[in-house]
């Protein structure tokens, strides 16, 4: 049963999750222990579009191969996989003597949630880079090569430091600057560059818990996500892509055109944030999704600014 997204406060994090769901963008949440990161992640599937029959059958095949289904059952919900941080790289991406799908393939068309990201083995995290880019995993053996699909939304969380309280105003951080740097440095630059959205999840205050309204329900947010996905389905009909995160640089030249004010803004941001080409393209794709949620045909300055905000926090982390 999918858990609804019922959390008081954390409006910025819920907005970021809505954008991630609408365009299938990868996301990192950072905040102290108890701020609600895991609960937000577990509520994320409740705002994803419903499975189509073809998607359900595709997911069912993968889970059948892995021996996870019984009595000819069919998957009716998008998978949500949350492996422990002790997982090996083989279990994460697949393989073994008799090759089997790993967690990235079991999360196909669903969510892969990596809680406490810096605690994962660095070798395991690095092998994620290829499936994130290619949306499939190739496993080579002497007699044959197998390819498993791996088109998933990556949701991750981490504490801002080893003790967890660097950004918590009510707790004193006991980490040294070098310990903070070492902890955050466990996640490589190339992997961070493959994340679209970075959002801070601060501790929830007493007033927010008692007085602040819950905001939009999962049902309302899901309606907006469904509308944005419908726009993308029509836009990309016949192109073999389905959502904005799959846009190639060539397709972005067609679907992510910028006007003069937007081009000037991106020119300043590109230099100031020292963006890579991949980072630049991810801002454009994120802006396209925000524009779709706004039911806007064009990407304007406000859409770009919001996308830059999420990317800016990622670059400064």
Protein backbone atom coordinates (compact mmCIF):
# COMPACT_ATOMS: atom_id res chain seq x y z
CA UNK A 1 0.00 0.00 0.00
CA UNK A 2 1.41 3.40 -1.01
CA UNK A 3 1.84 5.84 1.89
CA UNK A 4 0.33 9.31 1.27
CA UNK A 5 2.48 12.44 1.45
CA UNK A 6 1.10 13.72 4.78
CA UNK A 7 3.71 15.95 6.39
CA UNK A 8 3.24 19.30 8.08
CA UNK A 9 5.63 22.01 6.97
CA UNK A 10 8.47 21.18 4.56
CA UNK A 11 6.76 23.07 1.73
CA UNK A 12 10.01 23.49 -0.24
CA UNK A 13 10.79 19.76 -0.02
CA UNK A 14 7.25 18.83 -1.11
CA UNK A 15 7.50 21.24 -4.05
CA UNK A 16 10.82 19.65 -5.03
CA UNK A 17 9.26 16.18 -4.88
CA UNK A 18 6.37 17.37 -7.06
CA UNK A 19 8.82 18.60 -9.71
CA UNK A 20 10.81 15.36 -9.45
CA UNK A 21 7.63 13.33 -10.00
CA UNK A 22 6.45 15.48 -12.92
CA UNK A 23 9.68 15.11 -14.92
CA UNK A 24 11.27 12.00 -13.34
CA UNK A 25 14.18 14.02 -11.96
CA UNK A 26 16.75 12.69 -9.50
CA UNK A 27 16.73 14.39 -6.09
CA UNK A 28 18.87 14.71 -2.96
CA UNK A 29 17.44 15.80 0.40
CA UNK A 30 19.82 17.04 3.08
CA UNK A 31 18.84 17.72 6.67
CA UNK A 32 19.41 16.72 10.30
CA UNK A 33 18.03 13.49 11.80
CA UNK A 34 14.28 13.58 12.42
CA UNK A 35 13.52 16.32 9.88
CA UNK A 36 11.29 14.01 7.83
CA UNK A 37 13.53 13.02 4.88
CA UNK A 38 12.63 9.32 4.98
CA UNK A 39 8.93 10.02 5.44
CA UNK A 40 8.96 12.39 2.47
CA UNK A 41 10.68 9.77 0.32
CA UNK A 42 8.21 7.05 1.32
CA UNK A 43 5.32 9.35 0.39
CA UNK A 44 6.82 10.12 -3.03
CA UNK A 45 5.20 7.14 -4.87
CA UNK A 46 1.75 8.47 -3.93
CA UNK A 47 2.16 11.43 -6.31
CA UNK A 48 3.55 9.43 -9.26
CA UNK A 49 1.34 8.73 -12.29
CA UNK A 50 -0.57 5.43 -12.27
CA UNK A 51 0.99 2.51 -14.11
CA UNK A 52 -0.15 1.82 -17.65
CA UNK A 53 -0.82 -1.83 -18.58
CA UNK A 54 2.39 -1.98 -20.63
CA UNK A 55 4.41 -0.60 -17.72
CA UNK A 56 2.82 -3.06 -15.29
CA UNK A 57 3.71 -5.98 -17.56
CA UNK A 58 7.28 -4.72 -18.02
CA UNK A 59 7.81 -4.42 -14.26
CA UNK A 60 6.17 -7.80 -13.67
CA UNK A 61 8.63 -9.50 -16.05
CA UNK A 62 11.64 -8.13 -14.15
CA UNK A 63 10.26 -9.16 -10.76
CA UNK A 64 9.34 -12.61 -12.12
CA UNK A 65 12.90 -13.16 -13.37
CA UNK A 66 14.12 -12.26 -9.87
CA UNK A 67 11.73 -14.75 -8.25
CA UNK A 68 9.93 -12.05 -6.28
CA UNK A 69 6.39 -12.81 -7.49
CA UNK A 70 4.19 -15.82 -6.81
CA UNK A 71 1.12 -17.34 -8.46
CA UNK A 72 1.34 -15.31 -11.69
CA UNK A 73 0.81 -12.06 -9.80
CA UNK A 74 0.99 -8.75 -11.68
CA UNK A 75 2.62 -5.62 -10.29
CA UNK A 76 -0.09 -2.99 -9.81
CA UNK A 77 2.02 -0.23 -8.21
CA UNK A 78 5.28 1.41 -9.13
CA UNK A 79 8.16 -0.27 -7.28
CA UNK A 80 9.80 1.49 -4.35
CA UNK A 81 13.18 -0.03 -3.56
CA UNK A 82 15.15 1.06 -0.51
CA UNK A 83 18.31 -1.06 -0.14
CA UNK A 84 20.43 -0.90 3.03
CA UNK A 85 23.69 1.04 2.83
CA UNK A 86 25.69 -2.20 3.24
CA UNK A 87 24.52 -3.42 -0.19
CA UNK A 88 27.23 -4.61 -2.59
CA UNK A 89 27.65 -3.12 -6.04
CA UNK A 90 26.57 -6.45 -7.61
CA UNK A 91 23.33 -6.48 -5.63
CA UNK A 92 22.77 -2.82 -6.54
CA UNK A 93 23.22 -2.99 -10.32
CA UNK A 94 22.87 -6.72 -10.96
CA UNK A 95 25.15 -9.57 -11.93
CA UNK A 96 26.38 -12.69 -10.19
CA UNK A 97 27.41 -16.10 -11.57
CA UNK A 98 23.92 -16.48 -13.00
CA UNK A 99 23.13 -12.81 -13.82
CA UNK A 100 20.09 -11.41 -12.07
CA UNK A 101 18.59 -7.91 -12.03
CA UNK A 102 19.88 -5.67 -9.25
CA UNK A 103 18.04 -3.01 -7.27
CA UNK A 104 18.32 -0.47 -10.10
CA UNK A 105 16.33 -2.82 -12.37
CA UNK A 106 13.89 -3.84 -9.64
CA UNK A 107 13.19 -0.10 -9.32
CA UNK A 108 12.50 0.20 -13.09
CA UNK A 109 9.64 2.65 -13.77
CA UNK A 110 9.54 3.36 -10.04
CA UNK A 111 11.74 4.76 -7.28
CA UNK A 112 15.18 3.84 -5.97
CA UNK A 113 15.59 5.42 -2.53
CA UNK A 114 19.08 5.55 -1.03
CA UNK A 115 18.84 6.70 2.58
CA UNK A 116 21.99 8.07 4.26
CA UNK A 117 23.77 8.28 0.89
CA UNK A 118 27.35 8.84 2.22
CA UNK A 119 27.14 5.58 4.19
CA UNK A 120 27.00 3.49 0.99
CA UNK A 121 30.22 1.99 -0.32
CA UNK A 122 31.86 4.39 -2.73
CA UNK A 123 32.34 1.58 -5.28
CA UNK A 124 28.58 0.86 -5.15
CA UNK A 125 27.67 4.51 -5.69
CA UNK A 126 30.05 4.93 -8.61
CA UNK A 127 28.48 2.06 -10.58
CA UNK A 128 25.18 3.97 -10.42
CA UNK A 129 26.48 6.55 -12.87
CA UNK A 130 26.05 4.38 -15.97
CA UNK A 131 22.45 3.22 -15.33
CA UNK A 132 21.42 6.77 -14.40
CA UNK A 133 22.65 7.99 -17.79
CA UNK A 134 21.73 5.01 -19.99
CA UNK A 135 18.57 3.84 -18.14
CA UNK A 136 19.72 0.26 -18.54
CA UNK A 137 22.39 -2.08 -17.19
CA UNK A 138 24.62 -4.24 -19.39
CA UNK A 139 26.15 -7.31 -17.74
CA UNK A 140 28.88 -8.99 -19.79
CA UNK A 141 29.72 -12.66 -19.35
CA UNK A 142 31.95 -15.05 -21.33
CA UNK A 143 29.07 -16.64 -23.22
CA UNK A 144 26.66 -13.71 -23.50
CA UNK A 145 25.80 -10.16 -22.55
CA UNK A 146 22.54 -9.37 -20.80
CA UNK A 147 20.79 -6.01 -20.69
CA UNK A 148 18.28 -5.17 -17.97
CA UNK A 149 16.16 -2.00 -18.03
CA UNK A 150 16.84 0.54 -15.28
CA UNK A 151 14.72 3.65 -15.86
CA UNK A 152 14.08 4.82 -12.30
CA UNK A 153 13.76 8.03 -10.32
CA UNK A 154 16.60 8.28 -7.82
CA UNK A 155 15.63 9.80 -4.48
CA UNK A 156 18.45 10.16 -1.96
CA UNK A 157 18.91 11.62 1.50
CA UNK A 158 21.82 12.50 3.72
CA UNK A 159 22.74 14.31 6.89
CA UNK A 160 24.72 17.52 6.33
CA UNK A 161 27.64 16.15 8.40
CA UNK A 162 28.75 13.05 10.32
CA UNK A 163 26.96 14.01 13.55
CA UNK A 164 23.96 15.24 11.56
CA UNK A 165 23.42 18.64 13.16
CA UNK A 166 25.38 21.10 11.00
CA UNK A 167 22.19 22.84 9.77
CA UNK A 168 20.12 22.32 12.92
CA UNK A 169 19.79 25.56 14.94
CA UNK A 170 18.67 23.66 18.05
CA UNK A 171 21.65 21.26 18.20
CA UNK A 172 25.34 22.04 18.20
CA UNK A 173 27.43 20.35 15.50
CA UNK A 174 30.48 18.60 16.99
CA UNK A 175 32.23 17.95 13.66
CA UNK A 176 35.45 19.69 12.67
CA UNK A 177 35.59 21.45 9.28
CA UNK A 178 37.77 18.60 7.97
CA UNK A 179 35.28 15.97 9.18
CA UNK A 180 32.45 17.85 7.43
CA UNK A 181 34.48 18.03 4.23
CA UNK A 182 35.39 14.34 4.41
CA UNK A 183 31.78 13.31 5.04
CA UNK A 184 30.34 15.35 2.19
CA UNK A 185 33.24 14.27 -0.04
CA UNK A 186 32.11 10.65 0.12
CA UNK A 187 29.77 11.47 -2.77
CA UNK A 188 31.81 12.11 -5.91
CA UNK A 189 31.38 15.14 -8.12
CA UNK A 190 30.35 13.07 -11.19
CA UNK A 191 27.56 11.40 -9.18
CA UNK A 192 26.39 14.73 -7.72
CA UNK A 193 26.35 16.11 -11.25
CA UNK A 194 23.77 13.47 -12.17
CA UNK A 195 21.32 14.75 -9.56
CA UNK A 196 18.85 17.37 -10.76
CA UNK A 197 17.45 18.70 -7.49
CA UNK A 198 19.06 19.42 -4.15
CA UNK A 199 16.79 20.53 -1.32
CA UNK A 200 17.42 21.34 2.34
CA UNK A 201 15.01 19.72 4.79
CA UNK A 202 15.20 21.74 8.03
CA UNK A 203 13.83 20.56 11.38
CA UNK A 204 10.08 21.12 11.73
CA UNK A 205 9.20 23.72 14.36
CA UNK A 206 6.57 23.28 17.07
CA UNK A 207 4.40 25.98 15.46
CA UNK A 208 4.50 24.17 12.11
CA UNK A 209 3.43 20.94 13.79
CA UNK A 210 0.57 22.58 15.69
CA UNK A 211 -0.68 25.41 13.50
CA UNK A 212 0.51 25.19 9.92
CA UNK A 213 -2.02 23.61 7.53
CA UNK A 214 -0.91 20.42 5.80
CA UNK A 215 -0.99 22.05 2.39
CA UNK A 216 -2.11 20.17 -0.68
CA UNK A 217 -2.86 16.48 -0.27
CA UNK A 218 -1.15 13.76 -2.30
CA UNK A 219 -4.31 13.57 -4.41
CA UNK A 220 -4.12 17.27 -5.37
CA UNK A 221 -0.36 17.14 -6.06
CA UNK A 222 -0.80 13.98 -8.14
CA UNK A 223 -3.38 15.76 -10.33
CA UNK A 224 -0.82 18.44 -11.16
CA UNK A 225 1.85 15.78 -11.83
CA UNK A 226 -0.55 13.86 -14.10
CA UNK A 227 -1.37 17.04 -16.06
CA UNK A 228 2.35 17.80 -16.55
CA UNK A 229 3.04 14.22 -17.66
CA UNK A 230 0.15 14.41 -20.13
CA UNK A 231 1.74 17.53 -21.68
CA UNK A 232 5.02 15.61 -22.02
CA UNK A 233 3.31 12.53 -23.50
CA UNK A 234 1.79 14.68 -26.25
CA UNK A 235 4.97 16.66 -26.85
CA UNK A 236 7.19 13.60 -27.20
CA UNK A 237 4.77 11.35 -29.09
CA UNK A 238 6.76 9.25 -31.56
CA UNK A 239 10.15 10.29 -30.16
CA UNK A 240 10.76 7.27 -27.90
CA UNK A 241 11.00 9.42 -24.78
CA UNK A 242 8.27 9.98 -22.22
CA UNK A 243 9.35 12.65 -19.76
CA UNK A 244 11.65 15.65 -19.53
CA UNK A 245 14.52 13.92 -17.71
CA UNK A 246 15.06 11.83 -20.87
CA UNK A 247 15.65 14.84 -23.13
CA UNK A 248 18.86 14.68 -25.15
CA UNK A 249 20.91 17.83 -25.93
CA UNK A 250 19.62 17.69 -29.51
CA UNK A 251 15.97 17.54 -28.41
CA UNK A 252 16.57 20.34 -25.92
CA UNK A 253 17.40 22.61 -28.85
CA UNK A 254 13.81 22.07 -29.98
CA UNK A 255 11.85 21.87 -26.73
CA UNK A 256 13.86 24.05 -24.32
CA UNK A 257 14.25 27.23 -26.35
CA UNK A 258 15.06 30.34 -24.31
CA UNK A 259 14.14 33.94 -25.01
CA UNK A 260 16.64 36.80 -24.66
CA UNK A 261 16.05 37.46 -20.90
CA UNK A 262 16.37 33.73 -20.16
CA UNK A 263 19.54 33.41 -22.24
CA UNK A 264 21.14 36.35 -20.40
CA UNK A 265 20.25 34.78 -17.05
CA UNK A 266 21.74 31.41 -18.04
CA UNK A 267 24.89 33.07 -19.35
CA UNK A 268 25.49 34.69 -15.95
CA UNK A 269 24.63 31.52 -14.04
CA UNK A 270 26.84 29.30 -16.20
CA UNK A 271 29.91 31.36 -15.35
CA UNK A 272 29.04 32.08 -11.72
CA UNK A 273 28.21 28.47 -10.82
CA UNK A 274 31.01 27.02 -12.97
CA UNK A 275 28.54 24.58 -14.49
CA UNK A 276 29.49 21.54 -16.51
CA UNK A 277 27.64 20.92 -19.78
CA UNK A 278 25.68 18.19 -17.97
CA UNK A 279 24.74 20.62 -15.18
CA UNK A 280 23.61 23.22 -17.71
CA UNK A 281 21.42 20.68 -19.52
CA UNK A 282 19.90 19.47 -16.25
CA UNK A 283 18.85 23.03 -15.38
CA UNK A 284 17.14 23.31 -18.77
CA UNK A 285 15.31 20.00 -18.31
CA UNK A 286 14.25 20.99 -14.81
CA UNK A 287 13.00 24.35 -16.11
CA UNK A 288 10.99 22.55 -18.79
CA UNK A 289 9.24 20.51 -16.09
CA UNK A 290 8.51 23.56 -13.94
CA UNK A 291 7.03 25.28 -17.01
CA UNK A 292 4.87 22.20 -17.69
CA UNK A 293 3.56 22.28 -14.10
CA UNK A 294 2.74 25.94 -14.77
CA UNK A 295 1.02 24.90 -18.03
CA UNK A 296 3.35 27.25 -19.88
CA UNK A 297 4.50 26.54 -23.42
CA UNK A 298 7.62 28.67 -22.95
CA UNK A 299 10.32 28.53 -20.30
CA UNK A 300 10.45 31.94 -18.67
CA UNK A 301 12.72 33.60 -16.12
CA UNK A 302 10.68 32.44 -13.11
CA UNK A 303 10.89 28.79 -14.23
CA UNK A 304 14.63 29.08 -14.81
CA UNK A 305 15.16 30.83 -11.48
CA UNK A 306 13.43 28.07 -9.54
CA UNK A 307 15.46 25.40 -11.35
CA UNK A 308 18.69 27.33 -10.67
CA UNK A 309 17.75 27.57 -6.99
CA UNK A 310 17.66 23.77 -6.66
CA UNK A 311 20.82 23.34 -8.70
CA UNK A 312 22.54 26.18 -6.83
CA UNK A 313 22.08 24.44 -3.50
CA UNK A 314 23.58 21.32 -5.04
CA UNK A 315 26.66 23.17 -6.30
CA UNK A 316 27.23 24.89 -2.95
CA UNK A 317 26.91 21.71 -0.92
